């Protein structure tokens, strides 16, 4: 099982980024996926989840209305579109396959002027 995140970087407040997580080594279309984030000294927290078909999504209250999780099962990839970014969104973002207990390596997102 391998999960590889990309798309992080430095963005100004109010800006947007799209994170990608490329999956391999398992039947991606059969598994729910999630995005989490972590800041130094704090626990990793759930940001968004998506079912295996993409029919149902859920979001943390802190990102609801600003972030959108989606997936392309033909490309074995899950995405996190992040809009209206705030400095408090600064974190390392990880994708996760809950049933497989597998994490990606993370990608840094920094929101700063």
C-alpha atoms as a PDB file:
ATOM      1  CA  UNK A   1       0.000   0.000   0.000  1.00  0.00           C
ATOM      2  CA  UNK A   2       1.366   3.409  -0.948  1.00  0.00           C
ATOM      3  CA  UNK A   3      -0.169   6.857  -0.608  1.00  0.00           C
ATOM      4  CA  UNK A   4       1.701   9.838  -2.040  1.00  0.00           C
ATOM      5  CA  UNK A   5       0.473  13.382  -1.388  1.00  0.00           C
ATOM      6  CA  UNK A   6       1.354  16.382  -3.512  1.00  0.00           C
ATOM      7  CA  UNK A   7       0.197  19.931  -4.135  1.00  0.00           C
ATOM      8  CA  UNK A   8       1.184  21.635  -0.913  1.00  0.00           C
ATOM      9  CA  UNK A   9       2.996  24.948  -0.766  1.00  0.00           C
ATOM     10  CA  UNK A  10       2.893  28.556   0.348  1.00  0.00           C
ATOM     11  CA  UNK A  11      -0.267  30.544  -0.349  1.00  0.00           C
ATOM     12  CA  UNK A  12      -1.606  33.898   0.788  1.00  0.00           C
ATOM     13  CA  UNK A  13      -4.698  34.143   2.995  1.00  0.00           C
ATOM     14  CA  UNK A  14      -7.804  33.868   0.870  1.00  0.00           C
ATOM     15  CA  UNK A  15      -6.015  31.789  -1.725  1.00  0.00           C
ATOM     16  CA  UNK A  16      -6.567  28.230  -2.917  1.00  0.00           C
ATOM     17  CA  UNK A  17      -4.642  24.996  -3.221  1.00  0.00           C
ATOM     18  CA  UNK A  18      -5.553  21.538  -4.445  1.00  0.00           C
ATOM     19  CA  UNK A  19      -3.920  18.573  -2.780  1.00  0.00           C
ATOM     20  CA  UNK A  20      -3.696  15.202  -4.490  1.00  0.00           C
ATOM     21  CA  UNK A  21      -3.082  11.761  -3.032  1.00  0.00           C
ATOM     22  CA  UNK A  22      -2.080   9.033  -5.473  1.00  0.00           C
ATOM     23  CA  UNK A  23      -2.826   5.529  -4.221  1.00  0.00           C
ATOM     24  CA  UNK A  24      -1.316   2.220  -5.255  1.00  0.00           C
ATOM     25  CA  UNK A  25      -1.021  -1.332  -4.013  1.00  0.00           C
ATOM     26  CA  UNK A  26      -4.690  -1.863  -3.260  1.00  0.00           C
ATOM     27  CA  UNK A  27      -8.080  -1.697  -4.959  1.00  0.00           C
ATOM     28  CA  UNK A  28      -8.595   2.013  -4.447  1.00  0.00           C
ATOM     29  CA  UNK A  29     -12.219   2.060  -5.573  1.00  0.00           C
ATOM     30  CA  UNK A  30     -13.189  -0.242  -2.729  1.00  0.00           C
ATOM     31  CA  UNK A  31     -12.028   1.969   0.114  1.00  0.00           C
ATOM     32  CA  UNK A  32     -13.172   5.118   1.831  1.00  0.00           C
ATOM     33  CA  UNK A  33     -10.460   7.742   2.146  1.00  0.00           C
ATOM     34  CA  UNK A  34      -9.815  10.725   4.359  1.00  0.00           C
ATOM     35  CA  UNK A  35      -7.618  13.784   4.745  1.00  0.00           C
ATOM     36  CA  UNK A  36      -6.103  14.812   8.068  1.00  0.00           C
ATOM     37  CA  UNK A  37      -3.811  17.603   9.181  1.00  0.00           C
ATOM     38  CA  UNK A  38      -1.280  18.133  11.916  1.00  0.00           C
ATOM     39  CA  UNK A  39       0.552  21.118  13.375  1.00  0.00           C
ATOM     40  CA  UNK A  40       3.698  20.885  15.534  1.00  0.00           C
ATOM     41  CA  UNK A  41       3.005  19.623  19.027  1.00  0.00           C
ATOM     42  CA  UNK A  42      -0.597  18.749  18.299  1.00  0.00           C
ATOM     43  CA  UNK A  43      -2.437  15.590  17.382  1.00  0.00           C
ATOM     44  CA  UNK A  44      -3.386  14.765  13.819  1.00  0.00           C
ATOM     45  CA  UNK A  45      -7.015  15.766  13.220  1.00  0.00           C
ATOM     46  CA  UNK A  46      -9.595  14.717  10.688  1.00  0.00           C
ATOM     47  CA  UNK A  47     -10.367  17.230   7.941  1.00  0.00           C
ATOM     48  CA  UNK A  48     -12.618  15.373   5.491  1.00  0.00           C
ATOM     49  CA  UNK A  49     -13.809  11.914   4.522  1.00  0.00           C
ATOM     50  CA  UNK A  50     -15.221  10.386   1.353  1.00  0.00           C
ATOM     51  CA  UNK A  51     -16.845   7.032   0.740  1.00  0.00           C
ATOM     52  CA  UNK A  52     -15.499   4.530  -1.772  1.00  0.00           C
ATOM     53  CA  UNK A  53     -17.855   5.699  -4.526  1.00  0.00           C
ATOM     54  CA  UNK A  54     -17.577   9.371  -3.639  1.00  0.00           C
ATOM     55  CA  UNK A  55     -21.290   9.588  -2.931  1.00  0.00           C
ATOM     56  CA  UNK A  56     -20.928  10.809   0.640  1.00  0.00           C
ATOM     57  CA  UNK A  57     -18.503  13.322   2.111  1.00  0.00           C
ATOM     58  CA  UNK A  58     -18.056  14.766   5.578  1.00  0.00           C
ATOM     59  CA  UNK A  59     -16.047  17.700   6.857  1.00  0.00           C
ATOM     60  CA  UNK A  60     -14.673  19.098  10.072  1.00  0.00           C
ATOM     61  CA  UNK A  61     -16.600  22.194  11.128  1.00  0.00           C
ATOM     62  CA  UNK A  62     -13.460  24.283  10.759  1.00  0.00           C
ATOM     63  CA  UNK A  63     -13.265  23.657   6.995  1.00  0.00           C
ATOM     64  CA  UNK A  64     -16.917  23.150   6.060  1.00  0.00           C
ATOM     65  CA  UNK A  65     -17.883  25.359   3.134  1.00  0.00           C
ATOM     66  CA  UNK A  66     -14.243  26.056   2.205  1.00  0.00           C
ATOM     67  CA  UNK A  67     -12.741  22.618   1.490  1.00  0.00           C
ATOM     68  CA  UNK A  68     -14.000  19.960  -0.916  1.00  0.00           C
ATOM     69  CA  UNK A  69     -12.902  16.333  -0.937  1.00  0.00           C
ATOM     70  CA  UNK A  70     -13.316  14.344  -4.135  1.00  0.00           C
ATOM     71  CA  UNK A  71     -11.894  11.284  -5.833  1.00  0.00           C
ATOM     72  CA  UNK A  72     -11.243   9.844  -9.258  1.00  0.00           C
ATOM     73  CA  UNK A  73     -11.318   6.068  -9.002  1.00  0.00           C
ATOM     74  CA  UNK A  74     -10.069   5.713 -12.575  1.00  0.00           C
ATOM     75  CA  UNK A  75      -6.902   7.568 -11.548  1.00  0.00           C
ATOM     76  CA  UNK A  76      -6.633   6.052  -8.053  1.00  0.00           C
ATOM     77  CA  UNK A  77      -6.457   9.558  -6.640  1.00  0.00           C
ATOM     78  CA  UNK A  78      -8.212  11.488  -3.893  1.00  0.00           C
ATOM     79  CA  UNK A  79      -8.191  15.279  -3.851  1.00  0.00           C
ATOM     80  CA  UNK A  80      -8.665  18.078  -1.360  1.00  0.00           C
ATOM     81  CA  UNK A  81      -9.638  21.412  -2.873  1.00  0.00           C
ATOM     82  CA  UNK A  82      -8.933  24.138  -0.337  1.00  0.00           C
ATOM     83  CA  UNK A  83     -10.423  27.586  -0.911  1.00  0.00           C
ATOM     84  CA  UNK A  84     -10.560  30.749   1.202  1.00  0.00           C
ATOM     85  CA  UNK A  85      -7.491  29.562   3.063  1.00  0.00           C
ATOM     86  CA  UNK A  86      -6.706  31.011   6.473  1.00  0.00           C
ATOM     87  CA  UNK A  87      -3.428  31.156   8.441  1.00  0.00           C
ATOM     88  CA  UNK A  88      -4.900  28.598  10.850  1.00  0.00           C
ATOM     89  CA  UNK A  89      -5.092  26.087   7.980  1.00  0.00           C
ATOM     90  CA  UNK A  90      -1.291  25.931   8.038  1.00  0.00           C
ATOM     91  CA  UNK A  91      -0.359  22.301   8.721  1.00  0.00           C
ATOM     92  CA  UNK A  92       1.042  19.136   7.240  1.00  0.00           C
ATOM     93  CA  UNK A  93      -1.786  17.401   5.379  1.00  0.00           C
ATOM     94  CA  UNK A  94      -1.989  13.615   5.189  1.00  0.00           C
ATOM     95  CA  UNK A  95      -4.215  11.261   3.289  1.00  0.00           C
ATOM     96  CA  UNK A  96      -5.355   8.087   5.003  1.00  0.00           C
ATOM     97  CA  UNK A  97      -6.996   4.800   4.084  1.00  0.00           C
ATOM     98  CA  UNK A  98      -8.863   3.977   7.317  1.00  0.00           C
ATOM     99  CA  UNK A  99      -9.549   0.288   6.712  1.00  0.00           C
ATOM    100  CA  UNK A 100      -5.908  -0.278   5.758  1.00  0.00           C
ATOM    101  CA  UNK A 101      -4.531   1.961   8.516  1.00  0.00           C
ATOM    102  CA  UNK A 102      -2.161   3.441   5.954  1.00  0.00           C
ATOM    103  CA  UNK A 103      -0.865   7.015   5.858  1.00  0.00           C
ATOM    104  CA  UNK A 104       0.890   9.045   3.226  1.00  0.00           C
ATOM    105  CA  UNK A 105       4.076  10.979   4.008  1.00  0.00           C
ATOM    106  CA  UNK A 106       2.275  14.320   4.171  1.00  0.00           C
ATOM    107  CA  UNK A 107       2.516  17.604   2.322  1.00  0.00           C
ATOM    108  CA  UNK A 108       3.121  20.992   3.932  1.00  0.00           C
ATOM    109  CA  UNK A 109       0.571  23.760   3.485  1.00  0.00           C
ATOM    110  CA  UNK A 110       1.533  27.216   4.693  1.00  0.00           C
ATOM    111  CA  UNK A 111      -0.928  30.109   4.595  1.00  0.00           C
ATOM    112  CA  UNK A 112       0.855  33.391   5.142  1.00  0.00           C
ATOM    113  CA  UNK A 113       1.182  36.850   3.684  1.00  0.00           C
END
